[in-house]
């Protein structure tokens, strides 16, 4: 497992956890808010679990994470996934 900062936002209170099994977790402050779990035969396809959108700052963290790891630049992409705050799943391909 490795913990890294977002490339373009080194001073943000957000970290990305790269797990040995290929799972990618976004931690904003002390809360895991997005988890991308690999599925299929390669490590380029993911099921995305998002537990909510939280604060305005965490929303920015989620947007930066989605842009860096999945080339999704629109906050509304993650909002659709988060829905009402329950864990929802969508399938993405890593950028």
N, C-alpha and C. Protein backbone atom coordinates (compact mmCIF):
# COMPACT_ATOMS: atom_id res chain seq x y z
N UNK A 1 0.85 -1.18 0.00
CA UNK A 1 0.00 0.00 0.00
C UNK A 1 0.90 1.24 0.00
N UNK A 2 0.51 2.22 -0.82
CA UNK A 2 1.20 3.50 -0.86
C UNK A 2 0.18 4.61 -0.68
N UNK A 3 0.58 5.66 0.01
CA UNK A 3 -0.27 6.84 0.16
C UNK A 3 0.43 7.99 -0.54
N UNK A 4 -0.29 8.61 -1.49
CA UNK A 4 0.29 9.70 -2.28
C UNK A 4 -0.62 10.92 -2.23
N UNK A 5 -0.06 12.06 -2.59
CA UNK A 5 -0.83 13.29 -2.70
C UNK A 5 -1.35 13.42 -4.13
N UNK A 6 -2.36 14.24 -4.30
CA UNK A 6 -2.84 14.55 -5.65
C UNK A 6 -1.75 15.36 -6.35
N UNK A 7 -1.43 15.02 -7.58
CA UNK A 7 -0.30 15.62 -8.29
C UNK A 7 -0.33 17.14 -8.36
N UNK A 8 -1.46 17.71 -8.71
CA UNK A 8 -1.55 19.16 -8.90
C UNK A 8 -2.02 19.90 -7.66
N UNK A 9 -2.20 19.18 -6.57
CA UNK A 9 -2.74 19.79 -5.35
C UNK A 9 -2.00 19.24 -4.14
N UNK A 10 -0.70 19.45 -4.10
CA UNK A 10 0.18 18.88 -3.08
C UNK A 10 -0.17 19.33 -1.67
N UNK A 11 -0.78 20.49 -1.51
CA UNK A 11 -1.05 21.02 -0.18
C UNK A 11 -2.48 20.78 0.28
N UNK A 12 -3.27 20.12 -0.55
CA UNK A 12 -4.66 19.81 -0.17
C UNK A 12 -4.67 18.75 0.93
N UNK A 13 -5.71 18.79 1.74
CA UNK A 13 -5.88 17.79 2.79
C UNK A 13 -6.56 16.54 2.22
N UNK A 14 -6.01 16.05 1.13
CA UNK A 14 -6.54 14.86 0.46
C UNK A 14 -5.37 13.95 0.13
N UNK A 15 -5.59 12.66 0.28
CA UNK A 15 -4.56 11.67 -0.04
C UNK A 15 -5.21 10.56 -0.87
N UNK A 16 -4.41 9.95 -1.71
CA UNK A 16 -4.86 8.81 -2.50
C UNK A 16 -4.11 7.59 -1.98
N UNK A 17 -4.87 6.57 -1.65
CA UNK A 17 -4.29 5.33 -1.16
C UNK A 17 -4.32 4.32 -2.29
N UNK A 18 -3.14 3.86 -2.68
CA UNK A 18 -3.00 2.86 -3.74
C UNK A 18 -2.75 1.52 -3.06
N UNK A 19 -3.78 0.69 -3.05
CA UNK A 19 -3.71 -0.60 -2.37
C UNK A 19 -3.00 -1.63 -3.25
N UNK A 20 -2.45 -2.65 -2.61
CA UNK A 20 -1.72 -3.70 -3.32
C UNK A 20 -2.61 -4.47 -4.29
N UNK A 21 -3.91 -4.55 -4.02
CA UNK A 21 -4.82 -5.30 -4.90
C UNK A 21 -5.33 -4.46 -6.07
N UNK A 22 -4.85 -3.21 -6.21
CA UNK A 22 -5.26 -2.34 -7.31
C UNK A 22 -6.36 -1.36 -6.95
N UNK A 23 -6.94 -1.49 -5.78
CA UNK A 23 -7.97 -0.56 -5.32
C UNK A 23 -7.35 0.82 -5.10
N UNK A 24 -8.11 1.86 -5.45
CA UNK A 24 -7.67 3.24 -5.26
C UNK A 24 -8.69 3.93 -4.37
N UNK A 25 -8.23 4.52 -3.27
CA UNK A 25 -9.13 5.18 -2.32
C UNK A 25 -8.75 6.65 -2.20
N UNK A 26 -9.75 7.53 -2.26
CA UNK A 26 -9.54 8.94 -1.98
C UNK A 26 -9.93 9.20 -0.54
N UNK A 27 -9.00 9.76 0.22
CA UNK A 27 -9.26 10.15 1.60
C UNK A 27 -9.20 11.67 1.66
N UNK A 28 -10.31 12.28 2.04
CA UNK A 28 -10.38 13.72 2.22
C UNK A 28 -10.41 13.99 3.72
N UNK A 29 -9.43 14.73 4.19
CA UNK A 29 -9.23 14.91 5.62
C UNK A 29 -9.05 13.52 6.24
N UNK A 30 -9.97 13.04 7.04
CA UNK A 30 -9.82 11.71 7.67
C UNK A 30 -10.90 10.74 7.21
N UNK A 31 -11.60 11.08 6.13
CA UNK A 31 -12.73 10.27 5.66
C UNK A 31 -12.44 9.69 4.28
N UNK A 32 -12.64 8.39 4.13
CA UNK A 32 -12.55 7.76 2.81
C UNK A 32 -13.86 8.06 2.08
N UNK A 33 -13.78 8.82 0.99
CA UNK A 33 -15.01 9.26 0.32
C UNK A 33 -15.25 8.56 -1.01
N UNK A 34 -14.21 8.12 -1.69
CA UNK A 34 -14.35 7.41 -2.96
C UNK A 34 -13.43 6.21 -2.94
N UNK A 35 -13.96 5.08 -3.40
CA UNK A 35 -13.14 3.89 -3.54
C UNK A 35 -13.36 3.31 -4.93
N UNK A 36 -12.28 3.13 -5.67
CA UNK A 36 -12.33 2.54 -7.01
C UNK A 36 -11.76 1.13 -6.90
N UNK A 37 -12.61 0.15 -7.15
CA UNK A 37 -12.23 -1.25 -6.99
C UNK A 37 -12.12 -1.89 -8.37
N UNK A 38 -10.95 -2.48 -8.68
CA UNK A 38 -10.78 -3.07 -10.01
C UNK A 38 -11.71 -4.26 -10.22
N UNK A 39 -12.17 -4.42 -11.45
CA UNK A 39 -12.95 -5.59 -11.82
C UNK A 39 -12.49 -6.04 -13.19
N UNK A 40 -12.77 -7.26 -13.51
CA UNK A 40 -12.38 -7.80 -14.81
C UNK A 40 -10.95 -8.31 -14.79
N UNK A 41 -10.42 -8.55 -15.96
CA UNK A 41 -9.12 -9.18 -16.09
C UNK A 41 -7.94 -8.22 -15.99
N UNK A 42 -8.20 -6.94 -16.16
CA UNK A 42 -7.09 -5.99 -16.09
C UNK A 42 -7.33 -4.98 -14.99
N UNK A 43 -6.36 -4.16 -14.72
CA UNK A 43 -6.50 -3.15 -13.68
C UNK A 43 -6.87 -1.79 -14.25
N UNK A 44 -7.55 -1.78 -15.39
CA UNK A 44 -7.94 -0.52 -16.01
C UNK A 44 -9.45 -0.27 -15.90
N UNK A 45 -10.20 -1.23 -15.42
CA UNK A 45 -11.65 -1.07 -15.26
C UNK A 45 -11.97 -1.10 -13.77
N UNK A 46 -12.83 -0.19 -13.35
CA UNK A 46 -13.11 -0.03 -11.93
C UNK A 46 -14.59 0.11 -11.65
N UNK A 47 -15.01 -0.41 -10.50
CA UNK A 47 -16.31 -0.08 -9.94
C UNK A 47 -16.05 1.04 -8.94
N UNK A 48 -16.80 2.08 -9.04
CA UNK A 48 -16.58 3.26 -8.21
C UNK A 48 -17.64 3.34 -7.13
N UNK A 49 -17.21 3.41 -5.89
CA UNK A 49 -18.11 3.54 -4.75
C UNK A 49 -17.89 4.93 -4.16
N UNK A 50 -18.96 5.69 -4.02
CA UNK A 50 -18.86 7.02 -3.44
C UNK A 50 -19.93 7.13 -2.36
N UNK A 51 -19.53 7.50 -1.17
CA UNK A 51 -20.48 7.53 -0.06
C UNK A 51 -21.20 8.86 0.09
N UNK A 52 -20.77 9.89 -0.63
CA UNK A 52 -21.43 11.19 -0.55
C UNK A 52 -20.53 12.27 -1.08
N UNK A 53 -21.02 13.50 -1.07
CA UNK A 53 -20.22 14.60 -1.58
C UNK A 53 -19.70 15.51 -0.47
N UNK A 54 -20.25 15.42 0.74
CA UNK A 54 -19.70 16.11 1.90
C UNK A 54 -19.58 17.62 1.72
N UNK A 55 -18.48 18.20 2.20
CA UNK A 55 -18.31 19.65 2.19
C UNK A 55 -17.88 20.16 0.82
N UNK A 56 -17.90 21.47 0.68
CA UNK A 56 -17.47 22.09 -0.58
C UNK A 56 -16.00 21.76 -0.86
N UNK A 57 -15.17 21.74 0.16
CA UNK A 57 -13.75 21.41 -0.03
C UNK A 57 -13.58 19.96 -0.46
N UNK A 58 -14.32 19.05 0.17
CA UNK A 58 -14.24 17.64 -0.22
C UNK A 58 -14.75 17.44 -1.63
N UNK A 59 -15.75 18.20 -2.04
CA UNK A 59 -16.23 18.13 -3.42
C UNK A 59 -15.08 18.49 -4.37
N UNK A 60 -14.31 19.51 -4.02
CA UNK A 60 -13.15 19.86 -4.86
C UNK A 60 -12.14 18.72 -4.88
N UNK A 61 -11.89 18.09 -3.73
CA UNK A 61 -10.97 16.95 -3.67
C UNK A 61 -11.45 15.83 -4.59
N UNK A 62 -12.74 15.54 -4.54
CA UNK A 62 -13.30 14.49 -5.39
C UNK A 62 -13.11 14.84 -6.86
N UNK A 63 -13.39 16.08 -7.22
CA UNK A 63 -13.22 16.52 -8.61
C UNK A 63 -11.78 16.38 -9.08
N UNK A 64 -10.84 16.80 -8.24
CA UNK A 64 -9.42 16.69 -8.60
C UNK A 64 -9.02 15.23 -8.77
N UNK A 65 -9.49 14.38 -7.86
CA UNK A 65 -9.19 12.94 -7.92
C UNK A 65 -9.76 12.33 -9.20
N UNK A 66 -11.01 12.64 -9.51
CA UNK A 66 -11.65 12.07 -10.70
C UNK A 66 -10.95 12.54 -11.98
N UNK A 67 -10.51 13.79 -11.99
CA UNK A 67 -9.80 14.32 -13.16
C UNK A 67 -8.45 13.63 -13.31
N UNK A 68 -7.73 13.46 -12.21
CA UNK A 68 -6.39 12.87 -12.27
C UNK A 68 -6.41 11.38 -12.59
N UNK A 69 -7.35 10.65 -12.02
CA UNK A 69 -7.33 9.20 -12.18
C UNK A 69 -8.27 8.66 -13.25
N UNK A 70 -9.36 9.39 -13.58
CA UNK A 70 -10.35 8.87 -14.51
C UNK A 70 -10.74 9.83 -15.62
N UNK A 71 -10.07 10.96 -15.70
CA UNK A 71 -10.32 11.95 -16.76
C UNK A 71 -11.78 12.42 -16.78
N UNK A 72 -12.41 12.49 -15.63
CA UNK A 72 -13.75 13.06 -15.53
C UNK A 72 -13.60 14.43 -14.90
N UNK A 73 -13.95 15.47 -15.61
CA UNK A 73 -13.69 16.81 -15.12
C UNK A 73 -14.92 17.52 -14.58
N UNK A 74 -16.04 16.87 -14.59
CA UNK A 74 -17.28 17.51 -14.19
C UNK A 74 -17.74 16.99 -12.84
N UNK A 75 -17.98 17.89 -11.90
CA UNK A 75 -18.48 17.52 -10.58
C UNK A 75 -19.77 16.70 -10.68
N UNK A 76 -20.59 16.98 -11.66
CA UNK A 76 -21.86 16.29 -11.78
C UNK A 76 -21.69 14.81 -12.10
N UNK A 77 -20.54 14.44 -12.68
CA UNK A 77 -20.26 13.01 -12.90
C UNK A 77 -20.25 12.26 -11.58
N UNK A 78 -19.57 12.81 -10.59
CA UNK A 78 -19.50 12.14 -9.29
C UNK A 78 -20.79 12.31 -8.52
N UNK A 79 -21.48 13.42 -8.70
CA UNK A 79 -22.74 13.61 -8.01
C UNK A 79 -23.76 12.56 -8.42
N UNK A 80 -23.78 12.20 -9.71
CA UNK A 80 -24.67 11.14 -10.18
C UNK A 80 -24.35 9.83 -9.48
N UNK A 81 -23.06 9.58 -9.26
CA UNK A 81 -22.64 8.35 -8.61
C UNK A 81 -23.03 8.36 -7.14
N UNK A 82 -22.82 9.51 -6.48
CA UNK A 82 -23.08 9.61 -5.05
C UNK A 82 -24.57 9.55 -4.74
N UNK A 83 -25.39 10.06 -5.64
CA UNK A 83 -26.83 10.02 -5.43
C UNK A 83 -27.23 10.73 -4.15
N UNK A 84 -27.91 10.03 -3.28
CA UNK A 84 -28.43 10.64 -2.06
C UNK A 84 -27.50 10.42 -0.87
N UNK A 85 -26.30 9.97 -1.10
CA UNK A 85 -25.37 9.73 0.00
C UNK A 85 -25.13 8.26 0.24
N UNK A 86 -25.94 7.40 -0.34
CA UNK A 86 -25.69 5.97 -0.22
C UNK A 86 -24.55 5.60 -1.14
N UNK A 87 -23.96 4.43 -0.90
CA UNK A 87 -22.86 3.98 -1.75
C UNK A 87 -23.44 3.49 -3.07
N UNK A 88 -23.07 4.14 -4.16
CA UNK A 88 -23.50 3.73 -5.48
C UNK A 88 -22.30 3.30 -6.30
N UNK A 89 -22.55 2.53 -7.31
CA UNK A 89 -21.47 1.96 -8.10
C UNK A 89 -21.65 2.35 -9.56
N UNK A 90 -20.57 2.68 -10.19
CA UNK A 90 -20.54 2.84 -11.63
C UNK A 90 -19.24 2.23 -12.12
N UNK A 91 -19.17 1.89 -13.35
CA UNK A 91 -17.95 1.29 -13.89
C UNK A 91 -17.23 2.30 -14.76
N UNK A 92 -15.94 2.44 -14.52
CA UNK A 92 -15.10 3.40 -15.22
C UNK A 92 -13.85 2.73 -15.74
N UNK A 93 -13.25 3.37 -16.69
CA UNK A 93 -11.94 2.91 -17.18
C UNK A 93 -10.91 3.93 -16.76
N UNK A 94 -9.81 3.46 -16.23
CA UNK A 94 -8.77 4.36 -15.76
C UNK A 94 -8.15 5.08 -16.95
N UNK A 95 -7.90 6.35 -16.77
CA UNK A 95 -7.36 7.22 -17.80
C UNK A 95 -5.91 6.91 -18.05
